[in-house]
N, C-alpha and C. Protein backbone atom coordinates (compact mmCIF):
# COMPACT_ATOMS: atom_id res chain seq x y z
N MET A 1 164.80 86.06 131.98
CA MET A 1 163.28 86.52 131.64
C MET A 1 163.43 87.48 130.46
N THR A 2 162.83 87.25 129.27
CA THR A 2 163.29 87.82 127.95
C THR A 2 162.02 89.29 128.06
N THR A 3 162.81 90.04 127.84
CA THR A 3 162.23 91.35 127.99
C THR A 3 161.11 91.57 127.05
N PRO A 4 159.86 91.85 127.13
CA PRO A 4 158.98 91.97 126.27
C PRO A 4 159.02 93.30 125.04
N ARG A 5 158.79 92.97 123.83
CA ARG A 5 158.49 94.02 122.91
C ARG A 5 157.12 94.14 122.50
N ARG A 6 156.98 95.36 123.34
CA ARG A 6 155.49 95.68 123.45
C ARG A 6 154.95 96.84 122.73
N ALA A 7 153.68 96.45 121.96
CA ALA A 7 153.11 97.97 121.37
C ALA A 7 151.73 97.84 122.12
N LEU A 8 151.64 99.05 122.62
CA LEU A 8 150.53 99.71 123.26
C LEU A 8 149.08 99.89 122.44
N VAL A 9 148.41 99.35 122.39
CA VAL A 9 146.90 99.13 121.49
C VAL A 9 145.85 100.00 122.10
N LEU A 10 145.38 101.17 121.70
CA LEU A 10 144.30 102.09 122.28
C LEU A 10 143.03 101.76 120.99
N VAL A 11 142.38 100.89 122.05
CA VAL A 11 141.09 100.28 121.74
C VAL A 11 139.80 101.20 121.82
N ASP A 12 139.50 101.97 120.48
CA ASP A 12 138.25 102.42 120.43
C ASP A 12 137.74 103.45 121.67
N VAL A 13 138.97 104.16 121.69
CA VAL A 13 138.75 105.40 122.83
C VAL A 13 138.27 106.40 122.15
N GLN A 14 136.81 106.04 121.99
CA GLN A 14 136.22 107.09 120.73
C GLN A 14 135.03 107.78 121.78
N GLN A 15 134.52 109.14 121.11
CA GLN A 15 133.48 109.86 121.92
C GLN A 15 132.30 109.26 122.38
N GLU A 16 131.92 108.12 121.42
CA GLU A 16 130.73 107.27 121.43
C GLU A 16 130.65 106.53 122.75
N TYR A 17 131.68 106.20 123.39
CA TYR A 17 131.82 105.80 125.04
C TYR A 17 131.55 106.60 126.13
N PHE A 18 131.72 107.91 125.81
CA PHE A 18 131.72 109.10 126.80
C PHE A 18 130.08 109.69 127.06
N GLY A 19 129.04 109.08 126.35
CA GLY A 19 127.61 109.69 126.69
C GLY A 19 126.89 108.57 125.59
N GLY A 20 125.27 108.73 125.80
CA GLY A 20 124.50 107.92 125.22
C GLY A 20 124.65 106.44 125.57
N PRO A 21 123.82 105.54 124.95
CA PRO A 21 123.50 104.28 125.55
C PRO A 21 125.11 103.29 125.62
N LEU A 22 125.95 103.59 125.06
CA LEU A 22 127.41 103.28 124.77
C LEU A 22 128.27 103.62 126.41
N GLU A 23 127.43 104.35 126.98
CA GLU A 23 128.73 105.28 128.04
C GLU A 23 129.22 104.39 128.74
N ILE A 24 130.44 104.19 128.69
CA ILE A 24 131.16 103.10 129.89
C ILE A 24 130.76 103.26 131.21
N GLN A 25 130.24 102.54 132.07
CA GLN A 25 129.97 102.43 133.21
C GLN A 25 130.72 101.85 134.55
N TYR A 26 131.59 100.77 134.46
CA TYR A 26 132.60 100.31 135.16
C TYR A 26 133.82 99.77 134.44
N PRO A 27 135.20 100.28 135.17
CA PRO A 27 135.09 101.66 135.67
C PRO A 27 134.76 102.69 134.93
N PRO A 28 134.17 103.63 135.67
CA PRO A 28 133.74 104.98 134.91
C PRO A 28 134.80 105.74 134.25
N HIS A 29 134.29 106.27 133.16
CA HIS A 29 135.20 106.57 132.15
C HIS A 29 135.98 108.01 132.68
N ASP A 30 135.55 108.70 133.71
CA ASP A 30 136.39 109.30 134.15
C ASP A 30 137.47 109.04 135.15
N THR A 31 137.45 107.80 135.34
CA THR A 31 138.40 107.21 136.03
C THR A 31 139.31 106.37 135.23
N SER A 32 139.10 105.49 133.95
CA SER A 32 139.72 104.81 133.21
C SER A 32 140.52 105.91 132.43
N LEU A 33 139.58 106.77 132.08
CA LEU A 33 140.53 107.74 130.78
C LEU A 33 141.77 108.29 131.49
N PRO A 34 142.02 108.71 132.59
CA PRO A 34 143.28 109.16 132.83
C PRO A 34 144.32 108.06 132.91
N GLN A 35 143.75 106.69 132.95
CA GLN A 35 144.87 105.77 133.24
C GLN A 35 145.21 105.21 131.89
N ILE A 36 144.32 105.54 130.55
CA ILE A 36 144.88 105.62 129.48
C ILE A 36 145.75 106.40 129.15
N ALA A 37 145.74 107.62 129.41
CA ALA A 37 146.60 108.92 129.14
C ALA A 37 147.70 108.42 129.59
N ARG A 38 147.83 108.03 131.31
CA ARG A 38 149.31 107.56 131.91
C ARG A 38 149.93 106.62 130.76
N ALA A 39 149.32 105.65 130.53
CA ALA A 39 149.75 104.44 129.62
C ALA A 39 150.42 105.22 128.64
N ILE A 40 149.50 106.15 127.84
CA ILE A 40 150.30 106.57 126.52
C ILE A 40 151.50 107.37 126.74
N ASP A 41 151.06 107.88 127.89
CA ASP A 41 152.63 109.02 128.34
C ASP A 41 153.79 107.99 128.84
N ALA A 42 153.68 107.04 129.18
CA ALA A 42 154.55 105.93 129.67
C ALA A 42 155.05 104.99 128.43
N ALA A 43 154.16 105.01 127.46
CA ALA A 43 154.74 104.25 126.35
C ALA A 43 155.60 105.31 125.47
N ALA A 44 155.10 106.31 125.45
CA ALA A 44 156.33 107.53 124.78
C ALA A 44 157.54 107.43 125.42
N ALA A 45 157.58 107.53 126.57
CA ALA A 45 158.73 107.48 127.52
C ALA A 45 159.54 106.53 127.31
N ALA A 46 159.02 105.22 127.40
CA ALA A 46 159.92 104.23 126.78
C ALA A 46 160.11 103.74 125.11
N GLY A 47 159.42 104.24 124.82
CA GLY A 47 159.78 104.22 122.88
C GLY A 47 159.03 103.17 122.58
N ILE A 48 157.79 102.75 123.52
CA ILE A 48 157.11 101.63 122.98
C ILE A 48 156.03 102.38 121.53
N PRO A 49 156.08 101.38 120.83
CA PRO A 49 155.05 101.96 119.71
C PRO A 49 153.45 101.85 120.11
N VAL A 50 152.89 103.00 119.69
CA VAL A 50 151.37 103.43 120.06
C VAL A 50 150.34 102.76 118.84
N VAL A 51 149.36 102.20 119.11
CA VAL A 51 148.41 101.84 117.82
C VAL A 51 146.99 102.63 118.49
N ALA A 52 146.52 103.43 117.45
CA ALA A 52 145.39 104.07 117.63
C ALA A 52 143.98 103.39 116.98
N VAL A 53 143.15 102.49 117.32
CA VAL A 53 142.11 101.90 116.72
C VAL A 53 140.80 102.66 116.70
N GLN A 54 140.01 102.65 115.75
CA GLN A 54 138.67 103.21 116.09
C GLN A 54 137.89 102.47 115.13
N HIS A 55 136.71 102.09 115.76
CA HIS A 55 135.65 101.29 115.12
C HIS A 55 134.46 102.05 114.19
N THR A 56 134.39 101.30 113.02
CA THR A 56 133.34 101.85 112.28
C THR A 56 132.29 101.01 111.91
N VAL A 57 131.07 101.61 111.68
CA VAL A 57 129.65 100.87 111.17
C VAL A 57 129.48 101.19 109.72
N GLY A 58 129.54 102.24 109.38
CA GLY A 58 129.71 102.87 107.94
C GLY A 58 129.03 103.91 108.34
N GLU A 59 129.00 104.87 107.14
CA GLU A 59 128.18 106.23 107.15
C GLU A 59 126.71 105.88 107.10
N GLY A 60 126.08 106.82 108.04
CA GLY A 60 124.71 106.76 108.28
C GLY A 60 124.09 105.69 109.47
N ALA A 61 125.09 104.86 110.02
CA ALA A 61 124.70 104.08 111.11
C ALA A 61 124.56 105.18 112.34
N PRO A 62 123.74 104.48 113.29
CA PRO A 62 123.30 105.09 114.36
C PRO A 62 124.41 105.54 115.02
N VAL A 63 125.44 104.48 115.21
CA VAL A 63 126.87 104.49 115.96
C VAL A 63 127.86 104.54 114.92
N PHE A 64 128.89 104.87 115.63
CA PHE A 64 130.20 104.97 114.97
C PHE A 64 130.59 105.09 113.46
N ASP A 65 129.35 105.94 113.07
CA ASP A 65 129.71 106.54 111.84
C ASP A 65 130.76 107.33 111.52
N PRO A 66 131.65 107.11 110.56
CA PRO A 66 132.82 107.68 110.43
C PRO A 66 132.83 109.09 109.99
N THR A 67 131.87 109.82 109.84
CA THR A 67 131.64 110.98 109.83
C THR A 67 130.94 111.65 110.93
N SER A 68 130.75 111.05 112.07
CA SER A 68 130.03 111.66 113.08
C SER A 68 131.19 112.23 114.32
N GLU A 69 130.94 112.94 115.36
CA GLU A 69 131.72 113.34 116.43
C GLU A 69 132.02 111.84 117.12
N GLY A 70 130.90 111.01 117.21
CA GLY A 70 131.22 109.89 118.18
C GLY A 70 132.34 109.11 117.38
N PHE A 71 132.85 108.76 116.34
CA PHE A 71 134.01 108.34 115.62
C PHE A 71 135.00 108.81 116.24
N ARG A 72 135.26 110.01 116.70
CA ARG A 72 136.22 110.40 116.96
C ARG A 72 137.27 110.23 118.05
N LEU A 73 138.49 110.13 118.39
CA LEU A 73 139.08 109.90 119.20
C LEU A 73 138.97 110.75 120.71
N HIS A 74 138.92 110.21 121.55
CA HIS A 74 138.62 111.52 122.91
C HIS A 74 139.48 112.31 122.35
N PRO A 75 139.34 113.93 122.96
CA PRO A 75 140.86 114.51 123.05
C PRO A 75 141.65 114.41 123.87
N GLU A 76 141.82 113.66 125.15
CA GLU A 76 142.64 113.48 125.99
C GLU A 76 143.63 112.32 125.22
N VAL A 77 143.13 111.64 124.02
CA VAL A 77 143.94 110.78 123.32
C VAL A 77 144.42 111.47 122.12
N GLU A 78 143.51 112.04 121.32
CA GLU A 78 144.26 112.56 120.07
C GLU A 78 145.17 113.58 120.29
N GLY A 79 144.99 114.52 121.68
CA GLY A 79 145.86 115.35 121.77
C GLY A 79 147.37 114.99 122.33
N ARG A 80 147.26 113.60 122.11
CA ARG A 80 148.89 112.80 122.40
C ARG A 80 149.30 112.18 121.31
N ARG A 81 148.42 112.38 120.37
CA ARG A 81 148.93 111.80 119.20
C ARG A 81 150.19 112.40 118.33
N SER A 82 151.20 111.26 117.93
CA SER A 82 152.10 111.59 117.39
C SER A 82 152.42 111.26 116.13
N GLY A 83 152.99 111.50 114.92
CA GLY A 83 153.26 111.20 113.96
C GLY A 83 153.58 109.79 113.62
N ASP A 84 154.07 109.10 114.75
CA ASP A 84 154.57 107.66 114.53
C ASP A 84 153.60 106.66 114.95
N TRP A 85 152.45 107.20 115.28
CA TRP A 85 151.53 106.13 115.85
C TRP A 85 151.03 105.36 114.84
N LYS A 86 150.64 104.17 114.80
CA LYS A 86 149.79 103.29 113.60
C LYS A 86 148.34 103.50 113.64
N SER A 87 147.60 104.02 112.94
CA SER A 87 146.17 104.20 112.80
C SER A 87 145.69 102.98 112.29
N VAL A 88 144.30 102.32 112.77
CA VAL A 88 143.56 101.37 112.29
C VAL A 88 142.34 101.72 112.56
N VAL A 89 141.57 101.42 111.30
CA VAL A 89 140.11 101.41 111.39
C VAL A 89 139.67 100.07 111.08
N LYS A 90 138.64 99.44 112.21
CA LYS A 90 138.13 98.12 112.07
C LYS A 90 136.74 97.92 112.03
N GLN A 91 136.28 96.94 111.71
CA GLN A 91 134.57 96.92 111.50
C GLN A 91 134.04 95.88 112.24
N TYR A 92 135.21 95.01 112.93
CA TYR A 92 134.75 93.66 113.94
C TYR A 92 135.42 93.84 115.20
N GLY A 93 134.98 93.16 116.20
CA GLY A 93 135.32 93.40 117.57
C GLY A 93 137.03 93.16 117.58
N THR A 94 137.27 92.06 116.91
CA THR A 94 138.55 92.06 117.25
C THR A 94 139.35 93.21 116.44
N VAL A 95 140.82 93.53 117.15
CA VAL A 95 141.47 94.75 116.24
C VAL A 95 142.33 93.69 115.18
N PHE A 96 142.32 92.61 114.81
CA PHE A 96 142.91 91.91 113.93
C PHE A 96 142.30 91.67 112.47
N ALA A 97 140.93 91.48 112.92
CA ALA A 97 140.30 91.14 111.53
C ALA A 97 139.75 92.38 110.73
N GLY A 98 140.37 92.05 109.29
CA GLY A 98 139.99 93.09 108.43
C GLY A 98 140.98 94.02 108.48
N THR A 99 142.15 93.97 109.13
CA THR A 99 143.14 95.25 109.45
C THR A 99 144.49 94.54 109.04
N ASP A 100 145.20 95.45 109.16
CA ASP A 100 146.85 95.15 108.73
C ASP A 100 147.43 95.29 109.99
N LEU A 101 147.07 94.98 111.11
CA LEU A 101 147.57 95.32 112.55
C LEU A 101 148.62 94.02 112.67
N LEU A 102 148.18 93.01 112.45
CA LEU A 102 149.00 91.97 112.47
C LEU A 102 150.40 91.98 111.81
N ALA A 103 150.29 92.25 110.43
CA ALA A 103 151.66 92.41 109.54
C ALA A 103 152.49 93.55 110.04
N TRP A 104 151.86 94.61 110.32
CA TRP A 104 152.79 95.74 111.13
C TRP A 104 153.37 95.26 112.50
N LEU A 105 152.73 94.59 113.25
CA LEU A 105 153.17 93.86 114.50
C LEU A 105 154.62 93.28 113.99
N ARG A 106 154.28 92.18 113.14
CA ARG A 106 155.35 91.32 112.82
C ARG A 106 156.63 91.94 112.19
N GLU A 107 156.43 93.26 111.40
CA GLU A 107 157.48 94.16 110.70
C GLU A 107 158.36 94.25 112.18
N ARG A 108 157.92 94.75 113.10
CA ARG A 108 158.41 95.36 114.02
C ARG A 108 159.12 94.11 115.25
N ASP A 109 158.71 93.09 114.87
CA ASP A 109 159.12 91.90 115.79
C ASP A 109 158.28 92.07 117.48
N ILE A 110 157.03 92.78 117.31
CA ILE A 110 156.58 92.99 118.59
C ILE A 110 155.76 91.28 118.56
N ASP A 111 155.97 91.18 120.22
CA ASP A 111 155.58 90.06 120.71
C ASP A 111 154.48 90.04 121.85
N THR A 112 154.31 91.31 121.94
CA THR A 112 153.29 91.51 123.27
C THR A 112 152.34 92.51 123.02
N ILE A 113 150.94 92.72 122.92
CA ILE A 113 150.04 93.63 122.90
C ILE A 113 149.56 94.22 124.13
N THR A 114 149.72 95.25 124.71
CA THR A 114 149.20 95.98 125.64
C THR A 114 147.84 96.43 125.42
N LEU A 115 146.73 96.13 125.73
CA LEU A 115 145.12 96.51 125.41
C LEU A 115 144.74 97.62 126.63
N VAL A 116 144.26 98.80 125.95
CA VAL A 116 143.64 99.71 126.85
C VAL A 116 142.34 100.34 125.89
N GLY A 117 141.25 100.57 126.60
CA GLY A 117 139.93 101.50 125.65
C GLY A 117 138.93 100.77 126.22
N TYR A 118 138.18 100.52 125.26
CA TYR A 118 136.75 99.76 125.25
C TYR A 118 136.53 99.18 124.12
N MET A 119 135.41 98.29 124.42
CA MET A 119 134.86 97.83 125.69
C MET A 119 135.33 96.17 126.21
N THR A 120 135.26 96.33 127.43
CA THR A 120 135.74 95.08 128.19
C THR A 120 135.28 93.87 127.27
N ASN A 121 133.61 94.02 127.51
CA ASN A 121 132.95 92.93 126.97
C ASN A 121 132.77 92.74 125.58
N ASN A 122 133.77 93.38 124.72
CA ASN A 122 133.55 93.23 123.10
C ASN A 122 134.95 93.28 122.47
N CYS A 123 135.59 94.50 122.36
CA CYS A 123 136.72 94.55 121.76
C CYS A 123 137.84 94.04 122.31
N ILE A 124 137.96 94.13 123.52
CA ILE A 124 139.03 94.04 124.86
C ILE A 124 139.27 92.49 124.83
N ILE A 125 138.17 91.91 125.22
CA ILE A 125 138.08 90.33 125.28
C ILE A 125 138.40 89.80 123.88
N SER A 126 137.88 89.85 122.86
CA SER A 126 137.95 89.42 121.63
C SER A 126 139.27 89.44 121.10
N SER A 127 139.70 90.65 121.18
CA SER A 127 141.19 91.14 120.51
C SER A 127 142.25 90.04 121.46
N ALA A 128 142.29 90.15 123.14
CA ALA A 128 143.09 89.32 123.71
C ALA A 128 142.86 87.74 123.63
N ALA A 129 141.88 87.71 123.36
CA ALA A 129 141.55 85.84 123.02
C ALA A 129 142.41 85.63 121.59
N GLU A 130 142.18 86.66 120.70
CA GLU A 130 142.73 86.07 119.41
C GLU A 130 144.26 86.33 119.37
N ALA A 131 144.94 87.15 120.25
CA ALA A 131 146.32 87.24 120.51
C ALA A 131 146.97 86.09 120.43
N GLU A 132 146.14 84.98 121.17
CA GLU A 132 146.98 83.72 121.27
C GLU A 132 147.24 83.22 120.03
N THR A 133 146.22 83.21 119.35
CA THR A 133 146.17 82.25 117.76
C THR A 133 147.38 82.98 116.80
N HIS A 134 147.89 84.16 117.29
CA HIS A 134 148.63 84.78 116.45
C HIS A 134 150.23 84.62 117.25
N GLU A 135 150.26 83.82 118.07
CA GLU A 135 151.33 83.57 118.80
C GLU A 135 151.97 84.85 119.74
N LEU A 136 151.13 85.65 119.81
CA LEU A 136 151.58 86.82 120.64
C LEU A 136 150.66 87.12 122.37
N SER A 137 151.66 87.68 123.10
CA SER A 137 151.21 87.62 124.35
C SER A 137 150.19 89.05 124.67
N ALA A 138 149.07 89.03 125.32
CA ALA A 138 148.23 89.90 125.64
C ALA A 138 148.50 90.52 127.11
N GLU A 139 148.38 91.88 127.09
CA GLU A 139 148.15 92.46 128.37
C GLU A 139 147.03 93.16 128.41
N VAL A 140 146.19 93.28 129.73
CA VAL A 140 145.15 94.22 129.73
C VAL A 140 145.21 94.97 130.91
N LEU A 141 144.91 96.40 131.07
CA LEU A 141 145.18 97.17 132.10
C LEU A 141 143.85 97.32 132.59
N SER A 142 143.61 96.49 133.81
CA SER A 142 142.36 96.99 134.38
C SER A 142 141.52 98.16 134.45
N ASP A 143 142.39 99.04 134.86
CA ASP A 143 141.77 100.49 135.24
C ASP A 143 141.77 101.48 134.10
N ALA A 144 141.99 100.77 133.01
CA ALA A 144 142.18 101.81 131.76
C ALA A 144 141.52 100.74 130.50
N THR A 145 140.48 100.06 131.09
CA THR A 145 139.68 99.73 130.14
C THR A 145 138.08 99.81 130.95
N GLY A 146 136.98 99.50 130.25
CA GLY A 146 135.61 99.37 131.08
C GLY A 146 134.67 98.88 130.16
N ALA A 147 133.39 98.59 130.86
CA ALA A 147 132.55 97.92 130.49
C ALA A 147 131.02 98.83 130.58
N VAL A 148 130.23 98.16 130.03
CA VAL A 148 128.81 98.65 130.21
C VAL A 148 127.63 97.59 130.75
N ASN A 149 126.66 97.75 131.37
CA ASN A 149 125.69 96.98 131.65
C ASN A 149 125.20 96.30 130.54
N ILE A 150 124.51 95.10 130.56
CA ILE A 150 124.13 94.26 129.35
C ILE A 150 123.07 93.36 129.84
N ALA A 151 121.94 93.17 128.94
CA ALA A 151 120.90 92.56 129.13
C ALA A 151 120.64 92.09 127.92
N ASN A 152 120.07 90.63 127.83
CA ASN A 152 119.21 90.10 126.72
C ASN A 152 118.60 89.05 127.12
N ASP A 153 118.04 88.20 126.35
CA ASP A 153 117.18 86.94 126.50
C ASP A 153 118.19 85.98 127.57
N ALA A 154 119.39 85.91 127.30
CA ALA A 154 120.12 85.24 128.50
C ALA A 154 120.11 85.69 129.99
N GLY A 155 119.82 86.93 130.06
CA GLY A 155 120.09 87.56 131.31
C GLY A 155 120.62 89.25 131.39
N PHE A 156 121.01 89.22 132.86
CA PHE A 156 121.40 90.61 132.99
C PHE A 156 122.94 90.57 133.79
N ALA A 157 123.57 91.74 133.52
CA ALA A 157 124.90 91.63 134.30
C ALA A 157 125.41 92.90 134.14
N ASP A 158 125.57 93.66 135.67
CA ASP A 158 125.78 94.86 135.74
C ASP A 158 127.17 94.94 135.30
N ALA A 159 127.62 96.18 134.89
CA ALA A 159 129.01 96.63 134.29
C ALA A 159 130.12 95.87 135.45
N MET A 160 129.96 96.38 136.41
CA MET A 160 131.02 95.86 137.39
C MET A 160 131.47 94.45 137.34
N ALA A 161 130.18 93.59 137.23
CA ALA A 161 130.30 92.27 137.25
C ALA A 161 130.93 91.78 136.07
N VAL A 162 130.60 92.37 135.07
CA VAL A 162 130.86 92.09 133.67
C VAL A 162 132.49 92.33 133.54
N HIS A 163 132.89 93.43 133.79
CA HIS A 163 134.27 93.62 133.70
C HIS A 163 135.10 92.70 134.74
N THR A 164 134.77 92.62 136.16
CA THR A 164 135.50 91.95 136.81
C THR A 164 135.53 90.45 136.49
N THR A 165 134.49 89.65 135.85
CA THR A 165 134.30 88.59 135.60
C THR A 165 135.26 88.50 134.38
N LEU A 166 135.11 89.09 133.43
CA LEU A 166 135.87 89.12 131.86
C LEU A 166 137.30 89.16 132.45
N LEU A 167 137.76 90.10 133.20
CA LEU A 167 139.01 90.03 133.40
C LEU A 167 139.72 88.83 134.28
N THR A 168 138.79 88.63 135.16
CA THR A 168 139.29 87.13 135.65
C THR A 168 139.52 85.98 134.79
N VAL A 169 138.32 85.96 133.97
CA VAL A 169 138.60 85.01 132.60
C VAL A 169 139.74 85.14 131.83
N LEU A 170 140.14 86.57 131.28
CA LEU A 170 140.98 86.71 130.76
C LEU A 170 142.65 86.22 131.38
N ASN A 171 142.76 86.62 132.66
CA ASN A 171 143.89 86.29 133.46
C ASN A 171 144.15 84.65 133.54
N SER A 172 143.17 84.13 133.13
CA SER A 172 143.43 82.62 133.83
C SER A 172 143.74 82.01 132.30
N ASN A 173 143.75 82.61 131.32
CA ASN A 173 144.49 81.97 129.97
C ASN A 173 145.10 82.87 129.10
N TRP A 174 144.09 84.04 128.48
CA TRP A 174 144.56 84.29 127.44
C TRP A 174 145.76 85.73 127.48
N ALA A 175 145.46 86.49 128.86
CA ALA A 175 146.04 87.71 128.83
C ALA A 175 146.77 87.98 130.54
N ALA A 176 147.66 88.77 130.61
CA ALA A 176 148.24 89.01 131.90
C ALA A 176 147.37 90.27 132.14
N VAL A 177 146.52 90.48 133.36
CA VAL A 177 145.65 91.76 133.67
C VAL A 177 146.39 92.32 134.96
N ALA A 178 146.67 93.54 134.87
CA ALA A 178 147.30 94.24 135.86
C ALA A 178 146.50 95.98 135.92
N ASP A 179 146.82 96.55 136.97
CA ASP A 179 146.43 98.20 136.62
C ASP A 179 147.65 99.11 136.09
N THR A 180 147.40 99.93 136.02
CA THR A 180 148.54 100.72 134.77
C THR A 180 149.62 101.08 135.75
N THR A 181 149.45 101.48 137.09
CA THR A 181 150.89 101.15 137.90
C THR A 181 151.70 100.18 137.66
N ALA A 182 151.17 99.16 137.98
CA ALA A 182 151.89 97.65 137.94
C ALA A 182 152.47 97.58 136.46
N TRP A 183 151.84 98.10 135.04
CA TRP A 183 152.26 97.83 134.07
C TRP A 183 153.53 98.90 133.62
N ILE A 184 153.37 100.20 133.96
CA ILE A 184 154.15 100.95 134.13
C ILE A 184 155.46 100.35 134.56
N ASP A 185 155.67 99.83 135.92
CA ASP A 185 156.53 99.20 136.70
C ASP A 185 157.28 98.20 135.75
N ALA A 186 156.52 97.31 135.31
CA ALA A 186 157.03 96.18 134.58
C ALA A 186 157.77 96.84 133.34
N VAL A 187 157.14 97.78 132.55
CA VAL A 187 157.66 98.27 131.68
C VAL A 187 159.07 99.08 131.72
N THR A 188 159.21 99.61 132.97
CA THR A 188 160.33 100.09 133.62
C THR A 188 161.45 99.06 133.79
N ALA A 189 161.09 98.04 134.63
CA ALA A 189 161.90 96.69 134.76
C ALA A 189 162.20 96.12 133.48
N GLY A 190 161.52 96.30 132.53
CA GLY A 190 161.82 95.53 131.08
C GLY A 190 161.39 94.17 131.31
N GLN A 191 160.28 93.99 132.09
CA GLN A 191 159.80 92.52 132.64
C GLN A 191 158.03 92.66 131.75
N PRO A 192 157.87 91.35 131.56
CA PRO A 192 156.49 91.05 131.33
C PRO A 192 155.35 91.02 132.67
N LEU A 193 154.12 91.27 132.31
CA LEU A 193 153.47 90.87 133.39
C LEU A 193 153.22 89.41 134.03
N PRO A 194 153.35 89.45 135.26
CA PRO A 194 152.86 88.04 135.85
C PRO A 194 151.39 87.71 135.79
N LYS A 195 150.68 86.20 134.98
CA LYS A 195 149.59 86.12 134.67
C LYS A 195 149.48 84.68 135.28
N SER A 196 148.12 84.21 135.73
CA SER A 196 147.94 82.93 136.04
C SER A 196 147.66 81.99 135.12
N ASP A 197 147.15 80.87 135.47
CA ASP A 197 146.75 79.93 134.22
C ASP A 197 145.67 79.31 134.56
N LEU A 198 144.93 78.38 133.54
CA LEU A 198 143.74 77.85 133.78
C LEU A 198 143.86 76.82 135.01
N GLY A 199 144.71 76.12 135.51
CA GLY A 199 144.67 75.21 136.26
C GLY A 199 144.75 75.58 137.56
N THR A 200 145.80 76.84 137.82
CA THR A 200 145.85 77.31 138.85
C THR A 200 144.54 78.11 139.24
N SER A 201 144.00 78.76 138.37
CA SER A 201 142.61 79.57 138.74
C SER A 201 141.51 78.56 139.13
N ALA A 202 141.58 77.59 138.21
CA ALA A 202 140.58 76.44 138.64
C ALA A 202 140.66 76.06 140.32
N VAL A 203 141.89 75.78 140.67
CA VAL A 203 142.23 75.15 141.97
C VAL A 203 141.71 76.13 142.85
N ILE A 204 142.16 77.41 142.93
CA ILE A 204 141.76 78.22 143.72
C ILE A 204 140.43 79.02 143.72
N GLY A 205 139.76 78.67 142.72
CA GLY A 205 138.45 78.69 142.39
C GLY A 205 137.46 77.78 143.50
N ALA A 206 138.02 76.68 143.18
CA ALA A 206 137.22 75.47 143.97
C ALA A 206 137.69 75.97 145.27
N GLN A 207 138.90 76.10 145.90
CA GLN A 207 138.88 76.27 147.22
C GLN A 207 138.03 77.42 147.98
N ARG A 208 138.32 78.51 147.15
CA ARG A 208 137.18 79.81 147.80
C ARG A 208 136.02 79.58 147.63
N ALA A 209 135.10 78.51 146.69
CA ALA A 209 134.04 78.03 146.65
C ALA A 209 133.47 77.57 147.82
N ALA A 210 134.60 76.72 148.20
CA ALA A 210 134.38 75.53 149.61
C ALA A 210 134.37 76.39 150.74
N ARG A 211 134.64 77.40 150.76
CA ARG A 211 134.83 77.94 152.09
C ARG A 211 133.45 78.35 152.77
């Protein structure tokens, strides 16, 4: 089994998600943030490159204004920053669109991105799904990501349902999903995280539905 060449991608661990209308609800940020910190520390110990991504909507915007406090990385992340981190500012959901991240990954022969941060229902799922199109493997850490309650004309879903459903969808095709402890064990062992596939997930889903 080939040892993955990983990069840890910190997706929008910004102050905007720790209060106000975008505050992460599930897992709550006081649970997910310590796991993000653990992943950063494990990456540093293993020599895994780290990418810190921040989202911007532009100056004067009500959220993600680059001149505002909400744009800043959380102090738990900022305090761990080292000079060799890659910094990315994005304007779209995916970490790839409009950034130089893919070229940076290619230069380092990285074949696997590990995604932590926010939100599961936006930037995590879009980045994980796009990774496939760049022939990159994706990993998503279930306890180091988080979602919000969402409602619109199509319906309502609470944050727990959103997070759990989207991670199940990702693990069926686009990403290996595991908690931070399992990821650290895989890093230590030099192994990829196991993941399901669409066929297996569909068969097991049908079996459970029939019970």
